[in-house]
Amino acid sequence: MIAAFALLLAFQLAGEALRVALHLPVPGPVIGMGLLLIYLIARRGPTESLRTTSGNLLQNLSLMFIPAGTGVMLHGARLFDEAGPILVALVASTVLGLAATGLTLHFLTRRNKQEGPR
């Protein structure tokens, strides 16, 4: 379990190192997840230890939201002051996400009809 956890942290560290070295605008943990995905594809899946460790982390994922909840409680006044831009960003990102999903589905449906059944 410790080796699998160390592997996950190593990929996060590698992603953060790449982000800093290449001045990328993407968070290091996201880059690390991409590297982990490539690693898992190359190995044709996770080991049993990695599967168990990841499952345990996911079962306790709700604990990761405690710091965010505390931040909301501590910075409530700031959130209230900046409610307008936050609301615009939330609505715009939701609309863009729905539009991208709808257009992708529309494109794939049309493509599937043109190719016919397999």
C-alpha atoms as a PDB file:
ATOM      1  CA  MET A   1       0.000   0.000   0.000  1.00  0.00           C
ATOM      2  CA  ILE A   2       2.836   2.397   0.815  1.00  0.00           C
ATOM      3  CA  ALA A   3       4.565   1.651  -2.491  1.00  0.00           C
ATOM      4  CA  ALA A   4       1.346   2.340  -4.427  1.00  0.00           C
ATOM      5  CA  PHE A   5       0.762   5.575  -2.505  1.00  0.00           C
ATOM      6  CA  ALA A   6       4.380   6.580  -3.180  1.00  0.00           C
ATOM      7  CA  LEU A   7       3.796   5.872  -6.885  1.00  0.00           C
ATOM      8  CA  LEU A   8       0.759   8.167  -6.925  1.00  0.00           C
ATOM      9  CA  LEU A   9       2.712  10.912  -5.157  1.00  0.00           C
ATOM     10  CA  ALA A  10       5.644  10.432  -7.540  1.00  0.00           C
ATOM     11  CA  PHE A  11       3.388  11.057 -10.533  1.00  0.00           C
ATOM     12  CA  GLN A  12       1.956  14.141  -8.844  1.00  0.00           C
ATOM     13  CA  LEU A  13       5.500  15.377  -8.159  1.00  0.00           C
ATOM     14  CA  ALA A  14       6.543  14.652 -11.748  1.00  0.00           C
ATOM     15  CA  GLY A  15       3.553  16.609 -13.027  1.00  0.00           C
ATOM     16  CA  GLU A  16       4.365  19.542 -10.763  1.00  0.00           C
ATOM     17  CA  ALA A  17       8.014  19.458 -11.838  1.00  0.00           C
ATOM     18  CA  LEU A  18       6.997  19.488 -15.505  1.00  0.00           C
ATOM     19  CA  ARG A  19       4.612  22.366 -14.894  1.00  0.00           C
ATOM     20  CA  VAL A  20       7.321  24.452 -13.248  1.00  0.00           C
ATOM     21  CA  ALA A  21      10.054  23.512 -15.730  1.00  0.00           C
ATOM     22  CA  LEU A  22       7.937  24.158 -18.832  1.00  0.00           C
ATOM     23  CA  HIS A  23       5.890  27.054 -17.381  1.00  0.00           C
ATOM     24  CA  LEU A  24       2.629  25.307 -18.264  1.00  0.00           C
ATOM     25  CA  PRO A  25      -0.732  26.861 -17.298  1.00  0.00           C
ATOM     26  CA  VAL A  26      -2.089  23.451 -16.229  1.00  0.00           C
ATOM     27  CA  PRO A  27      -1.995  22.318 -12.579  1.00  0.00           C
ATOM     28  CA  GLY A  28       0.785  19.856 -11.784  1.00  0.00           C
ATOM     29  CA  PRO A  29      -1.540  17.168 -10.397  1.00  0.00           C
ATOM     30  CA  VAL A  30      -3.492  17.190 -13.676  1.00  0.00           C
ATOM     31  CA  ILE A  31      -0.280  16.646 -15.635  1.00  0.00           C
ATOM     32  CA  GLY A  32       0.630  13.904 -13.164  1.00  0.00           C
ATOM     33  CA  MET A  33      -2.716  12.187 -13.778  1.00  0.00           C
ATOM     34  CA  GLY A  34      -2.016  12.270 -17.499  1.00  0.00           C
ATOM     35  CA  LEU A  35       1.392  10.709 -16.920  1.00  0.00           C
ATOM     36  CA  LEU A  36      -0.205   8.084 -14.674  1.00  0.00           C
ATOM     37  CA  LEU A  37      -2.716   7.309 -17.423  1.00  0.00           C
ATOM     38  CA  ILE A  38       0.103   6.771 -19.925  1.00  0.00           C
ATOM     39  CA  TYR A  39       1.897   4.564 -17.389  1.00  0.00           C
ATOM     40  CA  LEU A  40      -1.230   2.484 -16.775  1.00  0.00           C
ATOM     41  CA  ILE A  41      -1.883   2.079 -20.497  1.00  0.00           C
ATOM     42  CA  ALA A  42       1.711   0.934 -21.025  1.00  0.00           C
ATOM     43  CA  ARG A  43       1.399  -1.587 -18.163  1.00  0.00           C
ATOM     44  CA  ARG A  44      -2.068  -2.688 -19.347  1.00  0.00           C
ATOM     45  CA  GLY A  45      -3.742  -1.710 -16.089  1.00  0.00           C
ATOM     46  CA  PRO A  46      -2.977  -1.135 -12.425  1.00  0.00           C
ATOM     47  CA  THR A  47      -1.425  -3.604 -10.036  1.00  0.00           C
ATOM     48  CA  GLU A  48      -3.620  -5.026  -7.285  1.00  0.00           C
ATOM     49  CA  SER A  49      -1.841  -2.855  -4.718  1.00  0.00           C
ATOM     50  CA  LEU A  50      -2.483   0.304  -6.738  1.00  0.00           C
ATOM     51  CA  ARG A  51      -6.100  -0.710  -7.299  1.00  0.00           C
ATOM     52  CA  THR A  52      -6.637  -1.235  -3.545  1.00  0.00           C
ATOM     53  CA  THR A  53      -4.883   1.982  -2.556  1.00  0.00           C
ATOM     54  CA  SER A  54      -6.822   4.031  -5.112  1.00  0.00           C
ATOM     55  CA  GLY A  55     -10.086   2.474  -3.944  1.00  0.00           C
ATOM     56  CA  ASN A  56      -9.314   3.380  -0.340  1.00  0.00           C
ATOM     57  CA  LEU A  57      -8.490   6.956  -1.319  1.00  0.00           C
ATOM     58  CA  LEU A  58     -11.727   7.265  -3.281  1.00  0.00           C
ATOM     59  CA  GLN A  59     -13.758   5.906  -0.356  1.00  0.00           C
ATOM     60  CA  ASN A  60     -12.405   8.723   1.812  1.00  0.00           C
ATOM     61  CA  LEU A  61     -12.582  11.420  -0.856  1.00  0.00           C
ATOM     62  CA  SER A  62     -15.126  13.430   1.109  1.00  0.00           C
ATOM     63  CA  LEU A  63     -12.402  14.271   3.649  1.00  0.00           C
ATOM     64  CA  MET A  64     -10.636  16.238   0.912  1.00  0.00           C
ATOM     65  CA  PHE A  65     -13.509  18.739   0.845  1.00  0.00           C
ATOM     66  CA  ILE A  66     -13.107  19.789   4.483  1.00  0.00           C
ATOM     67  CA  PRO A  67     -10.410  22.406   3.704  1.00  0.00           C
ATOM     68  CA  ALA A  68     -12.540  23.826   0.886  1.00  0.00           C
ATOM     69  CA  GLY A  69     -15.562  24.057   3.184  1.00  0.00           C
ATOM     70  CA  THR A  70     -13.454  25.797   5.814  1.00  0.00           C
ATOM     71  CA  GLY A  71     -12.218  28.271   3.218  1.00  0.00           C
ATOM     72  CA  VAL A  72     -15.786  29.082   2.213  1.00  0.00           C
ATOM     73  CA  MET A  73     -16.680  29.694   5.844  1.00  0.00           C
ATOM     74  CA  LEU A  74     -13.645  31.926   6.428  1.00  0.00           C
ATOM     75  CA  HIS A  75     -13.997  33.926   3.215  1.00  0.00           C
ATOM     76  CA  GLY A  76     -17.783  34.247   3.093  1.00  0.00           C
ATOM     77  CA  ALA A  77     -17.654  38.046   2.962  1.00  0.00           C
ATOM     78  CA  ARG A  78     -15.263  37.998   0.022  1.00  0.00           C
ATOM     79  CA  LEU A  79     -17.460  35.500  -1.810  1.00  0.00           C
ATOM     80  CA  PHE A  80     -20.464  37.734  -1.204  1.00  0.00           C
ATOM     81  CA  ASP A  81     -18.563  40.789  -2.518  1.00  0.00           C
ATOM     82  CA  GLU A  82     -17.548  38.929  -5.665  1.00  0.00           C
ATOM     83  CA  ALA A  83     -20.830  37.054  -6.160  1.00  0.00           C
ATOM     84  CA  GLY A  84     -21.517  38.684  -9.548  1.00  0.00           C
ATOM     85  CA  PRO A  85     -18.363  37.514 -11.347  1.00  0.00           C
ATOM     86  CA  ILE A  86     -18.607  34.109  -9.680  1.00  0.00           C
ATOM     87  CA  LEU A  87     -22.210  33.707 -10.832  1.00  0.00           C
ATOM     88  CA  VAL A  88     -21.323  34.779 -14.386  1.00  0.00           C
ATOM     89  CA  ALA A  89     -18.432  32.305 -14.477  1.00  0.00           C
ATOM     90  CA  LEU A  90     -20.616  29.461 -13.168  1.00  0.00           C
ATOM     91  CA  VAL A  91     -23.439  30.122 -15.634  1.00  0.00           C
ATOM     92  CA  ALA A  92     -21.078  30.635 -18.593  1.00  0.00           C
ATOM     93  CA  SER A  93     -19.088  27.468 -17.860  1.00  0.00           C
ATOM     94  CA  THR A  94     -22.290  25.468 -17.464  1.00  0.00           C
ATOM     95  CA  VAL A  95     -23.704  26.750 -20.749  1.00  0.00           C
ATOM     96  CA  LEU A  96     -20.411  26.131 -22.572  1.00  0.00           C
ATOM     97  CA  GLY A  97     -20.164  22.622 -21.127  1.00  0.00           C
ATOM     98  CA  LEU A  98     -23.720  21.779 -22.147  1.00  0.00           C
ATOM     99  CA  ALA A  99     -23.177  23.235 -25.623  1.00  0.00           C
ATOM    100  CA  ALA A 100     -19.946  21.277 -26.118  1.00  0.00           C
ATOM    101  CA  THR A 101     -21.634  18.070 -24.973  1.00  0.00           C
ATOM    102  CA  GLY A 102     -24.655  18.653 -27.192  1.00  0.00           C
ATOM    103  CA  LEU A 103     -22.575  19.469 -30.255  1.00  0.00           C
ATOM    104  CA  THR A 104     -20.361  16.423 -29.679  1.00  0.00           C
ATOM    105  CA  LEU A 105     -23.408  14.170 -29.357  1.00  0.00           C
ATOM    106  CA  HIS A 106     -24.954  15.712 -32.479  1.00  0.00           C
ATOM    107  CA  PHE A 107     -21.724  15.213 -34.450  1.00  0.00           C
ATOM    108  CA  LEU A 108     -21.297  11.607 -33.318  1.00  0.00           C
ATOM    109  CA  THR A 109     -24.950  10.760 -33.979  1.00  0.00           C
ATOM    110  CA  ARG A 110     -24.749  12.138 -37.530  1.00  0.00           C
ATOM    111  CA  ARG A 111     -21.482  10.306 -38.113  1.00  0.00           C
ATOM    112  CA  ASN A 112     -22.958   7.043 -36.844  1.00  0.00           C
ATOM    113  CA  LYS A 113     -25.993   7.377 -39.137  1.00  0.00           C
ATOM    114  CA  GLN A 114     -23.758   8.003 -42.153  1.00  0.00           C
ATOM    115  CA  GLU A 115     -21.586   4.970 -41.459  1.00  0.00           C
ATOM    116  CA  GLY A 116     -24.528   2.676 -40.820  1.00  0.00           C
ATOM    117  CA  PRO A 117     -24.720  -0.270 -38.434  1.00  0.00           C
ATOM    118  CA  ARG A 118     -21.637  -2.388 -37.910  1.00  0.00           C
END
